[in-house]
Amino acid sequence: MRRLVLLDFDGTLINSDSLWIFLRAYAGPWFYCRMIVAAPVIAFLACLRSRSDAKRWLLSFFIRGESVERITQCAHRVVPRLMADVSPRARQVIEQATARGDEVALVTASPSIWVAPVAARLGINTVIATELLFAGGRFSGRFATPNCVGKEKVRRVKAHYGISRDNRDRFLITAYGDSASDEPLLRFSNHPYLNFTPFRP
């Protein structure tokens, strides 16, 4: 039987929202000025459409047209800040799972471009995340994959590990999340934890 330990990133592995940390690092002193311009659009999209649309628009507003090299450099620059925010409970879960020989993965709506370096620092080889779409070496302002949130997390996990109705009983899945958007994955798991306490749907 394959034992999987799946952790959300923002609010679970780390105690903050990595998107804001990345954007502040990218924009520097202009971050708050740009947010004043962006705030009404973000509020409109989040309320009348979806948080996924708001997130995609916000990333596009800040970094559309930027080179993959600069975005990658900025992503690596925020890794120490993100590592400092890793939850002690999450770190303990990872260490215990690794010691047992379990397969550990991060499953997150955040882009892999800054999640993967954190995962590598923690010895995690698998990152299932939202992917940015680059064209000609520059960020197009769009996602290459659906936003990895809610039911999409379950779909991506199934696809990555080849899980189906026929072989689901061959997987023992423990999942950790912190919000309603994690609940589909928690319900899919054998041992779900919301904010590191047992989750009961």
N, C-alpha and C. Protein backbone atom coordinates (compact mmCIF):
# COMPACT_ATOMS: atom_id res chain seq x y z
N MET A 1 0.85 -1.20 0.00
CA MET A 1 0.00 0.00 0.00
C MET A 1 0.88 1.25 0.00
N ARG A 2 0.53 2.22 -0.86
CA ARG A 2 1.28 3.47 -0.89
C ARG A 2 0.69 4.45 0.13
N ARG A 3 1.54 5.00 0.94
CA ARG A 3 1.12 5.96 1.97
C ARG A 3 1.50 7.37 1.51
N LEU A 4 0.47 8.19 1.33
CA LEU A 4 0.67 9.56 0.88
C LEU A 4 0.35 10.54 2.00
N VAL A 5 1.19 11.53 2.18
CA VAL A 5 0.94 12.62 3.12
C VAL A 5 0.92 13.91 2.30
N LEU A 6 -0.25 14.55 2.22
CA LEU A 6 -0.47 15.70 1.36
C LEU A 6 -0.73 16.94 2.21
N LEU A 7 0.03 17.98 1.98
CA LEU A 7 -0.12 19.21 2.76
C LEU A 7 -0.42 20.39 1.85
N ASP A 8 -1.37 21.19 2.27
CA ASP A 8 -1.60 22.50 1.67
C ASP A 8 -0.40 23.39 2.02
N PHE A 9 -0.23 24.47 1.27
CA PHE A 9 0.91 25.35 1.49
C PHE A 9 0.55 26.55 2.36
N ASP A 10 -0.22 27.49 1.80
CA ASP A 10 -0.56 28.73 2.53
C ASP A 10 -1.52 28.45 3.67
N GLY A 11 -1.11 28.81 4.86
CA GLY A 11 -1.96 28.61 6.04
C GLY A 11 -1.81 27.25 6.68
N THR A 12 -1.10 26.33 6.02
CA THR A 12 -0.89 24.99 6.57
C THR A 12 0.61 24.74 6.75
N LEU A 13 1.33 24.65 5.63
CA LEU A 13 2.78 24.50 5.76
C LEU A 13 3.39 25.78 6.32
N ILE A 14 2.96 26.91 5.78
CA ILE A 14 3.43 28.19 6.31
C ILE A 14 2.26 28.92 6.95
N ASN A 15 2.58 29.88 7.80
CA ASN A 15 1.54 30.57 8.57
C ASN A 15 1.04 31.84 7.90
N SER A 16 1.33 32.02 6.63
CA SER A 16 0.95 33.25 5.95
C SER A 16 0.52 32.95 4.52
N ASP A 17 0.31 34.00 3.73
CA ASP A 17 -0.08 33.86 2.34
C ASP A 17 1.13 34.20 1.47
N SER A 18 1.65 33.21 0.78
CA SER A 18 2.90 33.41 0.03
C SER A 18 2.74 34.37 -1.14
N LEU A 19 1.53 34.51 -1.68
CA LEU A 19 1.33 35.41 -2.81
C LEU A 19 1.71 36.84 -2.45
N TRP A 20 1.26 37.29 -1.27
CA TRP A 20 1.55 38.66 -0.85
C TRP A 20 3.04 38.83 -0.57
N ILE A 21 3.67 37.82 -0.01
CA ILE A 21 5.11 37.89 0.26
C ILE A 21 5.87 38.03 -1.05
N PHE A 22 5.49 37.23 -2.04
CA PHE A 22 6.16 37.29 -3.34
C PHE A 22 5.94 38.65 -4.01
N LEU A 23 4.69 39.12 -4.04
CA LEU A 23 4.41 40.38 -4.73
C LEU A 23 5.08 41.57 -4.06
N ARG A 24 5.15 41.56 -2.72
CA ARG A 24 5.86 42.64 -2.02
C ARG A 24 7.34 42.64 -2.38
N ALA A 25 7.93 41.44 -2.45
CA ALA A 25 9.34 41.34 -2.81
C ALA A 25 9.57 41.79 -4.25
N TYR A 26 8.65 41.45 -5.13
CA TYR A 26 8.78 41.80 -6.54
C TYR A 26 8.64 43.31 -6.76
N ALA A 27 7.60 43.89 -6.17
CA ALA A 27 7.29 45.30 -6.43
C ALA A 27 8.09 46.26 -5.57
N GLY A 28 8.63 45.79 -4.46
CA GLY A 28 9.42 46.65 -3.59
C GLY A 28 8.59 47.80 -3.05
N PRO A 29 9.16 49.01 -3.03
CA PRO A 29 8.46 50.16 -2.43
C PRO A 29 7.20 50.57 -3.19
N TRP A 30 7.03 50.07 -4.42
CA TRP A 30 5.84 50.41 -5.20
C TRP A 30 4.66 49.49 -4.93
N PHE A 31 4.85 48.51 -4.06
CA PHE A 31 3.80 47.51 -3.83
C PHE A 31 2.49 48.17 -3.39
N TYR A 32 2.54 49.01 -2.37
CA TYR A 32 1.30 49.57 -1.82
C TYR A 32 0.65 50.56 -2.79
N CYS A 33 1.46 51.29 -3.57
CA CYS A 33 0.88 52.17 -4.58
C CYS A 33 0.12 51.37 -5.63
N ARG A 34 0.70 50.27 -6.05
CA ARG A 34 0.05 49.45 -7.06
C ARG A 34 -1.19 48.76 -6.50
N MET A 35 -1.17 48.41 -5.21
CA MET A 35 -2.32 47.78 -4.59
C MET A 35 -3.50 48.74 -4.49
N ILE A 36 -3.22 50.03 -4.34
CA ILE A 36 -4.30 51.02 -4.29
C ILE A 36 -5.06 51.00 -5.62
N VAL A 37 -4.31 50.87 -6.71
CA VAL A 37 -4.92 50.81 -8.04
C VAL A 37 -5.66 49.48 -8.23
N ALA A 38 -5.05 48.39 -7.74
CA ALA A 38 -5.60 47.06 -7.99
C ALA A 38 -6.78 46.70 -7.10
N ALA A 39 -6.85 47.26 -5.91
CA ALA A 39 -7.83 46.83 -4.91
C ALA A 39 -9.27 46.79 -5.40
N PRO A 40 -9.78 47.84 -6.07
CA PRO A 40 -11.19 47.77 -6.51
C PRO A 40 -11.46 46.63 -7.48
N VAL A 41 -10.54 46.35 -8.39
CA VAL A 41 -10.73 45.27 -9.36
C VAL A 41 -10.70 43.92 -8.65
N ILE A 42 -9.76 43.76 -7.71
CA ILE A 42 -9.67 42.51 -6.96
C ILE A 42 -10.95 42.25 -6.20
N ALA A 43 -11.47 43.29 -5.54
CA ALA A 43 -12.71 43.15 -4.77
C ALA A 43 -13.87 42.77 -5.69
N PHE A 44 -13.96 43.40 -6.85
CA PHE A 44 -15.03 43.10 -7.80
C PHE A 44 -14.95 41.65 -8.26
N LEU A 45 -13.76 41.21 -8.67
CA LEU A 45 -13.61 39.85 -9.17
C LEU A 45 -13.87 38.81 -8.08
N ALA A 46 -13.36 39.08 -6.87
CA ALA A 46 -13.52 38.12 -5.78
C ALA A 46 -14.98 37.97 -5.39
N CYS A 47 -15.73 39.08 -5.43
CA CYS A 47 -17.13 39.04 -4.99
C CYS A 47 -18.07 38.53 -6.08
N LEU A 48 -17.87 38.97 -7.30
CA LEU A 48 -18.83 38.68 -8.36
C LEU A 48 -18.42 37.54 -9.28
N ARG A 49 -17.15 37.17 -9.24
CA ARG A 49 -16.71 36.05 -10.07
C ARG A 49 -16.11 34.96 -9.18
N SER A 50 -14.82 34.97 -8.99
CA SER A 50 -14.21 33.96 -8.12
C SER A 50 -12.87 34.44 -7.62
N ARG A 51 -12.41 33.83 -6.54
CA ARG A 51 -11.09 34.16 -6.01
C ARG A 51 -10.01 33.76 -7.01
N SER A 52 -10.26 32.71 -7.78
CA SER A 52 -9.29 32.29 -8.79
C SER A 52 -9.10 33.37 -9.84
N ASP A 53 -10.22 33.99 -10.27
CA ASP A 53 -10.11 35.08 -11.24
C ASP A 53 -9.36 36.26 -10.65
N ALA A 54 -9.65 36.56 -9.38
CA ALA A 54 -8.97 37.68 -8.72
C ALA A 54 -7.47 37.42 -8.61
N LYS A 55 -7.11 36.20 -8.27
CA LYS A 55 -5.70 35.85 -8.15
C LYS A 55 -4.99 35.95 -9.50
N ARG A 56 -5.62 35.41 -10.54
CA ARG A 56 -5.02 35.44 -11.87
C ARG A 56 -4.84 36.88 -12.35
N TRP A 57 -5.85 37.72 -12.11
CA TRP A 57 -5.76 39.12 -12.52
C TRP A 57 -4.66 39.83 -11.75
N LEU A 58 -4.56 39.57 -10.45
CA LEU A 58 -3.56 40.23 -9.61
C LEU A 58 -2.14 39.88 -10.08
N LEU A 59 -1.89 38.61 -10.33
CA LEU A 59 -0.58 38.21 -10.82
C LEU A 59 -0.29 38.86 -12.18
N SER A 60 -1.31 38.89 -13.03
CA SER A 60 -1.14 39.51 -14.34
C SER A 60 -0.83 41.00 -14.20
N PHE A 61 -1.53 41.67 -13.31
CA PHE A 61 -1.34 43.09 -13.09
C PHE A 61 0.09 43.40 -12.65
N PHE A 62 0.64 42.56 -11.79
CA PHE A 62 1.97 42.82 -11.25
C PHE A 62 3.10 42.33 -12.17
N ILE A 63 2.96 41.14 -12.74
CA ILE A 63 4.15 40.55 -13.38
C ILE A 63 3.94 40.12 -14.84
N ARG A 64 2.81 40.46 -15.44
CA ARG A 64 2.62 40.11 -16.86
C ARG A 64 3.72 40.74 -17.70
N GLY A 65 4.31 39.95 -18.59
CA GLY A 65 5.37 40.44 -19.46
C GLY A 65 6.76 40.35 -18.86
N GLU A 66 6.82 39.97 -17.59
CA GLU A 66 8.12 39.84 -16.93
C GLU A 66 8.80 38.54 -17.37
N SER A 67 10.13 38.57 -17.40
CA SER A 67 10.88 37.40 -17.85
C SER A 67 10.84 36.29 -16.81
N VAL A 68 10.91 35.06 -17.29
CA VAL A 68 10.93 33.92 -16.38
C VAL A 68 12.15 33.98 -15.48
N GLU A 69 13.25 34.55 -15.99
CA GLU A 69 14.46 34.65 -15.16
C GLU A 69 14.25 35.56 -13.97
N ARG A 70 13.64 36.72 -14.19
CA ARG A 70 13.46 37.65 -13.07
C ARG A 70 12.44 37.12 -12.07
N ILE A 71 11.38 36.50 -12.58
CA ILE A 71 10.37 35.94 -11.67
C ILE A 71 10.99 34.82 -10.84
N THR A 72 11.81 33.98 -11.48
CA THR A 72 12.48 32.90 -10.75
C THR A 72 13.44 33.46 -9.71
N GLN A 73 14.19 34.49 -10.06
CA GLN A 73 15.11 35.11 -9.12
C GLN A 73 14.35 35.65 -7.90
N CYS A 74 13.23 36.31 -8.16
CA CYS A 74 12.43 36.85 -7.06
C CYS A 74 11.87 35.73 -6.21
N ALA A 75 11.43 34.64 -6.86
CA ALA A 75 10.89 33.49 -6.13
C ALA A 75 11.94 32.91 -5.19
N HIS A 76 13.17 32.78 -5.65
CA HIS A 76 14.23 32.24 -4.81
C HIS A 76 14.62 33.23 -3.71
N ARG A 77 14.45 34.53 -3.98
CA ARG A 77 14.78 35.54 -2.97
C ARG A 77 13.83 35.48 -1.78
N VAL A 78 12.58 35.04 -1.99
CA VAL A 78 11.63 35.00 -0.87
C VAL A 78 11.66 33.67 -0.12
N VAL A 79 12.43 32.71 -0.61
CA VAL A 79 12.47 31.40 0.05
C VAL A 79 12.88 31.50 1.52
N PRO A 80 13.93 32.25 1.89
CA PRO A 80 14.26 32.35 3.32
C PRO A 80 13.11 32.89 4.17
N ARG A 81 12.38 33.87 3.59
CA ARG A 81 11.22 34.43 4.32
C ARG A 81 10.14 33.37 4.50
N LEU A 82 9.89 32.57 3.47
CA LEU A 82 8.88 31.52 3.56
C LEU A 82 9.33 30.41 4.50
N MET A 83 10.61 30.06 4.46
CA MET A 83 11.12 29.01 5.34
C MET A 83 11.00 29.43 6.81
N ALA A 84 11.19 30.71 7.07
CA ALA A 84 11.09 31.20 8.44
C ALA A 84 9.66 31.10 8.96
N ASP A 85 8.71 31.00 8.03
CA ASP A 85 7.29 30.96 8.40
C ASP A 85 6.71 29.55 8.39
N VAL A 86 7.56 28.53 8.19
CA VAL A 86 7.08 27.15 8.20
C VAL A 86 6.57 26.80 9.60
N SER A 87 5.37 26.25 9.64
CA SER A 87 4.76 25.87 10.91
C SER A 87 5.54 24.73 11.57
N PRO A 88 5.84 24.85 12.86
CA PRO A 88 6.52 23.75 13.55
C PRO A 88 5.73 22.44 13.48
N ARG A 89 4.40 22.54 13.51
CA ARG A 89 3.58 21.32 13.41
C ARG A 89 3.71 20.69 12.04
N ALA A 90 3.75 21.52 11.00
CA ALA A 90 3.92 20.98 9.65
C ALA A 90 5.29 20.35 9.49
N ARG A 91 6.29 20.99 10.03
CA ARG A 91 7.64 20.43 9.94
C ARG A 91 7.71 19.07 10.65
N GLN A 92 7.03 18.96 11.77
CA GLN A 92 7.01 17.68 12.50
C GLN A 92 6.30 16.61 11.68
N VAL A 93 5.18 16.97 11.05
CA VAL A 93 4.45 16.02 10.19
C VAL A 93 5.36 15.51 9.08
N ILE A 94 6.08 16.41 8.44
CA ILE A 94 6.97 16.04 7.34
C ILE A 94 8.09 15.13 7.83
N GLU A 95 8.69 15.47 8.95
CA GLU A 95 9.79 14.67 9.47
C GLU A 95 9.33 13.27 9.85
N GLN A 96 8.16 13.18 10.49
CA GLN A 96 7.64 11.87 10.88
C GLN A 96 7.25 11.04 9.66
N ALA A 97 6.64 11.68 8.68
CA ALA A 97 6.24 10.96 7.46
C ALA A 97 7.46 10.46 6.70
N THR A 98 8.47 11.28 6.62
CA THR A 98 9.70 10.88 5.93
C THR A 98 10.37 9.71 6.65
N ALA A 99 10.37 9.76 7.98
CA ALA A 99 10.97 8.67 8.76
C ALA A 99 10.23 7.35 8.55
N ARG A 100 8.92 7.43 8.32
CA ARG A 100 8.13 6.21 8.07
C ARG A 100 8.27 5.71 6.63
N GLY A 101 8.83 6.53 5.77
CA GLY A 101 8.92 6.16 4.37
C GLY A 101 7.71 6.54 3.56
N ASP A 102 6.86 7.43 4.09
CA ASP A 102 5.68 7.88 3.36
C ASP A 102 6.10 8.82 2.23
N GLU A 103 5.24 8.95 1.22
CA GLU A 103 5.46 9.90 0.14
C GLU A 103 4.79 11.21 0.52
N VAL A 104 5.58 12.27 0.58
CA VAL A 104 5.07 13.58 1.00
C VAL A 104 4.96 14.50 -0.21
N ALA A 105 3.86 15.24 -0.29
CA ALA A 105 3.67 16.18 -1.40
C ALA A 105 2.99 17.44 -0.88
N LEU A 106 3.29 18.56 -1.54
CA LEU A 106 2.57 19.80 -1.31
C LEU A 106 1.53 19.93 -2.40
N VAL A 107 0.29 20.24 -2.01
CA VAL A 107 -0.81 20.39 -2.96
C VAL A 107 -1.40 21.78 -2.71
N THR A 108 -1.18 22.69 -3.65
CA THR A 108 -1.46 24.09 -3.36
C THR A 108 -1.93 24.88 -4.58
N ALA A 109 -2.69 25.93 -4.29
CA ALA A 109 -3.11 26.85 -5.35
C ALA A 109 -2.00 27.82 -5.71
N SER A 110 -1.00 27.94 -4.87
CA SER A 110 0.10 28.86 -5.15
C SER A 110 0.96 28.34 -6.30
N PRO A 111 1.56 29.24 -7.07
CA PRO A 111 2.40 28.81 -8.20
C PRO A 111 3.63 28.02 -7.75
N SER A 112 3.94 27.01 -8.51
CA SER A 112 5.08 26.15 -8.17
C SER A 112 6.40 26.90 -8.23
N ILE A 113 6.44 28.02 -8.95
CA ILE A 113 7.70 28.71 -9.14
C ILE A 113 8.31 29.19 -7.83
N TRP A 114 7.47 29.45 -6.81
CA TRP A 114 8.05 29.75 -5.51
C TRP A 114 7.77 28.68 -4.45
N VAL A 115 6.85 27.77 -4.73
CA VAL A 115 6.60 26.67 -3.78
C VAL A 115 7.68 25.59 -3.90
N ALA A 116 8.09 25.26 -5.11
CA ALA A 116 9.05 24.18 -5.32
C ALA A 116 10.38 24.40 -4.60
N PRO A 117 10.95 25.62 -4.58
CA PRO A 117 12.20 25.80 -3.84
C PRO A 117 12.05 25.57 -2.33
N VAL A 118 10.88 25.91 -1.79
CA VAL A 118 10.62 25.64 -0.37
C VAL A 118 10.52 24.14 -0.14
N ALA A 119 9.80 23.46 -1.03
CA ALA A 119 9.66 22.01 -0.92
C ALA A 119 11.03 21.34 -0.94
N ALA A 120 11.90 21.81 -1.83
CA ALA A 120 13.24 21.22 -1.93
C ALA A 120 14.02 21.38 -0.63
N ARG A 121 13.88 22.54 -0.01
CA ARG A 121 14.58 22.78 1.27
C ARG A 121 14.10 21.83 2.35
N LEU A 122 12.84 21.39 2.24
CA LEU A 122 12.25 20.51 3.24
C LEU A 122 12.37 19.03 2.87
N GLY A 123 13.02 18.77 1.75
CA GLY A 123 13.18 17.38 1.31
C GLY A 123 11.95 16.78 0.68
N ILE A 124 11.05 17.63 0.18
CA ILE A 124 9.81 17.16 -0.47
C ILE A 124 10.02 17.18 -1.98
N ASN A 125 9.82 16.05 -2.61
CA ASN A 125 10.10 15.93 -4.04
C ASN A 125 8.91 16.24 -4.94
N THR A 126 7.70 16.20 -4.38
CA THR A 126 6.50 16.35 -5.21
C THR A 126 5.76 17.63 -4.87
N VAL A 127 5.53 18.44 -5.88
CA VAL A 127 4.74 19.66 -5.73
C VAL A 127 3.63 19.64 -6.78
N ILE A 128 2.40 19.67 -6.31
CA ILE A 128 1.22 19.74 -7.19
C ILE A 128 0.63 21.12 -6.98
N ALA A 129 0.77 21.99 -7.99
CA ALA A 129 0.47 23.40 -7.78
C ALA A 129 -0.09 24.03 -9.05
N THR A 130 -0.47 25.28 -8.93
CA THR A 130 -0.87 26.06 -10.09
C THR A 130 0.40 26.42 -10.88
N GLU A 131 0.32 26.30 -12.20
CA GLU A 131 1.48 26.60 -13.04
C GLU A 131 1.22 27.87 -13.85
N LEU A 132 2.22 28.75 -13.90
CA LEU A 132 2.13 29.95 -14.70
C LEU A 132 2.43 29.63 -16.16
N LEU A 133 1.79 30.37 -17.06
CA LEU A 133 2.01 30.16 -18.48
C LEU A 133 3.00 31.20 -19.01
N PHE A 134 4.11 30.71 -19.55
CA PHE A 134 5.12 31.59 -20.13
C PHE A 134 5.10 31.43 -21.65
N ALA A 135 5.27 32.54 -22.33
CA ALA A 135 5.34 32.54 -23.80
C ALA A 135 6.53 33.40 -24.21
N GLY A 136 7.43 32.81 -24.98
CA GLY A 136 8.61 33.55 -25.38
C GLY A 136 9.48 33.96 -24.20
N GLY A 137 9.44 33.15 -23.14
CA GLY A 137 10.26 33.44 -21.98
C GLY A 137 9.70 34.48 -21.04
N ARG A 138 8.43 34.89 -21.27
CA ARG A 138 7.81 35.90 -20.41
C ARG A 138 6.43 35.44 -19.94
N PHE A 139 6.04 35.93 -18.75
CA PHE A 139 4.75 35.54 -18.18
C PHE A 139 3.62 36.14 -19.01
N SER A 140 2.73 35.27 -19.46
CA SER A 140 1.63 35.68 -20.35
C SER A 140 0.48 36.35 -19.61
N GLY A 141 0.47 36.23 -18.28
CA GLY A 141 -0.66 36.75 -17.52
C GLY A 141 -1.74 35.71 -17.29
N ARG A 142 -1.48 34.48 -17.77
CA ARG A 142 -2.45 33.40 -17.61
C ARG A 142 -1.82 32.21 -16.91
N PHE A 143 -2.68 31.26 -16.52
CA PHE A 143 -2.21 30.03 -15.91
C PHE A 143 -2.10 28.93 -16.96
N ALA A 144 -1.09 28.09 -16.82
CA ALA A 144 -0.93 26.95 -17.72
C ALA A 144 -1.82 25.79 -17.29
N THR A 145 -2.28 25.82 -16.06
CA THR A 145 -3.18 24.80 -15.51
C THR A 145 -4.34 25.50 -14.83
N PRO A 146 -5.44 24.79 -14.57
CA PRO A 146 -6.48 25.37 -13.72
C PRO A 146 -5.90 25.70 -12.34
N ASN A 147 -6.47 26.69 -11.70
CA ASN A 147 -6.04 27.03 -10.35
C ASN A 147 -6.22 25.81 -9.45
N CYS A 148 -5.18 25.38 -8.78
CA CYS A 148 -5.21 24.13 -8.01
C CYS A 148 -5.87 24.36 -6.65
N VAL A 149 -7.18 24.42 -6.68
CA VAL A 149 -7.95 24.71 -5.47
C VAL A 149 -9.23 23.87 -5.49
N GLY A 150 -9.77 23.56 -4.31
CA GLY A 150 -11.02 22.82 -4.23
C GLY A 150 -10.95 21.45 -4.89
N LYS A 151 -11.93 21.15 -5.73
CA LYS A 151 -11.99 19.84 -6.40
C LYS A 151 -10.82 19.63 -7.35
N GLU A 152 -10.23 20.73 -7.83
CA GLU A 152 -9.08 20.59 -8.72
C GLU A 152 -7.91 19.93 -8.00
N LYS A 153 -7.81 20.14 -6.70
CA LYS A 153 -6.75 19.47 -5.94
C LYS A 153 -6.92 17.95 -6.01
N VAL A 154 -8.14 17.49 -5.85
CA VAL A 154 -8.41 16.05 -5.92
C VAL A 154 -8.10 15.53 -7.31
N ARG A 155 -8.54 16.26 -8.34
CA ARG A 155 -8.29 15.82 -9.72
C ARG A 155 -6.80 15.72 -10.00
N ARG A 156 -6.04 16.71 -9.54
CA ARG A 156 -4.60 16.72 -9.80
C ARG A 156 -3.89 15.61 -9.04
N VAL A 157 -4.32 15.34 -7.81
CA VAL A 157 -3.72 14.26 -7.03
C VAL A 157 -3.99 12.91 -7.70
N LYS A 158 -5.23 12.71 -8.13
CA LYS A 158 -5.57 11.46 -8.82
C LYS A 158 -4.72 11.28 -10.07
N ALA A 159 -4.58 12.36 -10.84
CA ALA A 159 -3.81 12.27 -12.07
C ALA A 159 -2.33 12.01 -11.80
N HIS A 160 -1.80 12.66 -10.80
CA HIS A 160 -0.36 12.51 -10.52
C HIS A 160 -0.02 11.11 -10.05
N TYR A 161 -0.85 10.57 -9.17
CA TYR A 161 -0.55 9.26 -8.59
C TYR A 161 -1.25 8.11 -9.31
N GLY A 162 -2.06 8.42 -10.31
CA GLY A 162 -2.77 7.36 -11.02
C GLY A 162 -3.83 6.68 -10.17
N ILE A 163 -4.53 7.46 -9.37
CA ILE A 163 -5.55 6.91 -8.47
C ILE A 163 -6.88 6.83 -9.20
N SER A 164 -7.53 5.68 -9.11
CA SER A 164 -8.84 5.48 -9.73
C SER A 164 -9.73 4.71 -8.76
N ARG A 165 -10.98 4.52 -9.18
CA ARG A 165 -11.89 3.73 -8.34
C ARG A 165 -11.37 2.31 -8.14
N ASP A 166 -10.71 1.80 -9.17
CA ASP A 166 -10.24 0.41 -9.12
C ASP A 166 -9.07 0.20 -8.16
N ASN A 167 -8.27 1.25 -7.94
CA ASN A 167 -7.09 1.06 -7.09
C ASN A 167 -7.05 1.97 -5.87
N ARG A 168 -8.16 2.67 -5.58
CA ARG A 168 -8.16 3.62 -4.45
C ARG A 168 -7.78 2.95 -3.15
N ASP A 169 -8.14 1.66 -2.97
CA ASP A 169 -7.84 0.98 -1.71
C ASP A 169 -6.35 0.65 -1.56
N ARG A 170 -5.58 0.92 -2.59
CA ARG A 170 -4.14 0.69 -2.49
C ARG A 170 -3.38 1.92 -1.98
N PHE A 171 -4.14 2.98 -1.70
CA PHE A 171 -3.53 4.23 -1.22
C PHE A 171 -4.09 4.58 0.16
N LEU A 172 -3.20 4.87 1.07
CA LEU A 172 -3.58 5.37 2.39
C LEU A 172 -3.17 6.84 2.42
N ILE A 173 -4.16 7.72 2.39
CA ILE A 173 -3.89 9.14 2.22
C ILE A 173 -4.19 9.93 3.49
N THR A 174 -3.20 10.70 3.93
CA THR A 174 -3.38 11.64 5.02
C THR A 174 -3.25 13.04 4.43
N ALA A 175 -4.22 13.90 4.70
CA ALA A 175 -4.22 15.24 4.10
C ALA A 175 -4.37 16.31 5.17
N TYR A 176 -3.68 17.41 4.97
CA TYR A 176 -3.72 18.55 5.89
C TYR A 176 -4.10 19.81 5.14
N GLY A 177 -5.06 20.55 5.70
CA GLY A 177 -5.48 21.81 5.10
C GLY A 177 -5.91 22.78 6.17
N ASP A 178 -6.34 23.97 5.74
CA ASP A 178 -6.72 24.98 6.73
C ASP A 178 -7.98 25.74 6.37
N SER A 179 -8.58 25.44 5.19
CA SER A 179 -9.73 26.24 4.77
C SER A 179 -10.74 25.40 4.01
N ALA A 180 -11.87 26.03 3.69
CA ALA A 180 -12.93 25.34 2.97
C ALA A 180 -12.46 24.86 1.60
N SER A 181 -11.50 25.57 1.00
CA SER A 181 -11.01 25.17 -0.32
C SER A 181 -10.23 23.86 -0.26
N ASP A 182 -9.83 23.44 0.93
CA ASP A 182 -9.11 22.17 1.10
C ASP A 182 -10.05 21.00 1.37
N GLU A 183 -11.32 21.29 1.66
CA GLU A 183 -12.23 20.24 2.11
C GLU A 183 -12.44 19.10 1.10
N PRO A 184 -12.52 19.38 -0.21
CA PRO A 184 -12.65 18.23 -1.12
C PRO A 184 -11.49 17.24 -0.99
N LEU A 185 -10.27 17.73 -0.84
CA LEU A 185 -9.13 16.84 -0.68
C LEU A 185 -9.17 16.15 0.68
N LEU A 186 -9.62 16.85 1.69
CA LEU A 186 -9.73 16.23 3.02
C LEU A 186 -10.75 15.09 2.98
N ARG A 187 -11.88 15.32 2.31
CA ARG A 187 -12.90 14.27 2.21
C ARG A 187 -12.41 13.08 1.40
N PHE A 188 -11.52 13.33 0.47
CA PHE A 188 -10.97 12.27 -0.37
C PHE A 188 -9.96 11.40 0.39
N SER A 189 -9.40 11.94 1.44
CA SER A 189 -8.33 11.25 2.16
C SER A 189 -8.89 10.27 3.20
N ASN A 190 -8.02 9.39 3.67
CA ASN A 190 -8.38 8.46 4.75
C ASN A 190 -8.29 9.12 6.11
N HIS A 191 -7.28 9.99 6.25
CA HIS A 191 -7.04 10.67 7.52
C HIS A 191 -6.92 12.17 7.27
N PRO A 192 -8.04 12.89 7.37
CA PRO A 192 -8.03 14.33 7.09
C PRO A 192 -7.80 15.16 8.35
N TYR A 193 -7.03 16.24 8.19
CA TYR A 193 -6.77 17.15 9.30
C TYR A 193 -6.98 18.58 8.84
N LEU A 194 -7.82 19.29 9.57
CA LEU A 194 -8.06 20.70 9.32
C LEU A 194 -7.41 21.48 10.45
N ASN A 195 -6.46 22.33 10.10
CA ASN A 195 -5.68 23.05 11.11
C ASN A 195 -5.04 22.09 12.12
N PHE A 196 -4.58 20.96 11.62
CA PHE A 196 -3.86 19.93 12.38
C PHE A 196 -4.70 19.24 13.45
N THR A 197 -6.02 19.35 13.31
CA THR A 197 -6.91 18.57 14.18
C THR A 197 -7.78 17.72 13.27
N PRO A 198 -8.21 16.53 13.72
CA PRO A 198 -9.02 15.64 12.88
C PRO A 198 -10.23 16.37 12.31
N PHE A 199 -10.44 16.17 11.01
CA PHE A 199 -11.55 16.82 10.30
C PHE A 199 -12.69 15.83 10.18
N ARG A 200 -13.88 16.29 10.56
CA ARG A 200 -15.08 15.45 10.46
C ARG A 200 -16.09 16.16 9.57
N PRO A 201 -16.23 15.72 8.34
CA PRO A 201 -17.17 16.38 7.39
C PRO A 201 -18.59 16.45 7.93
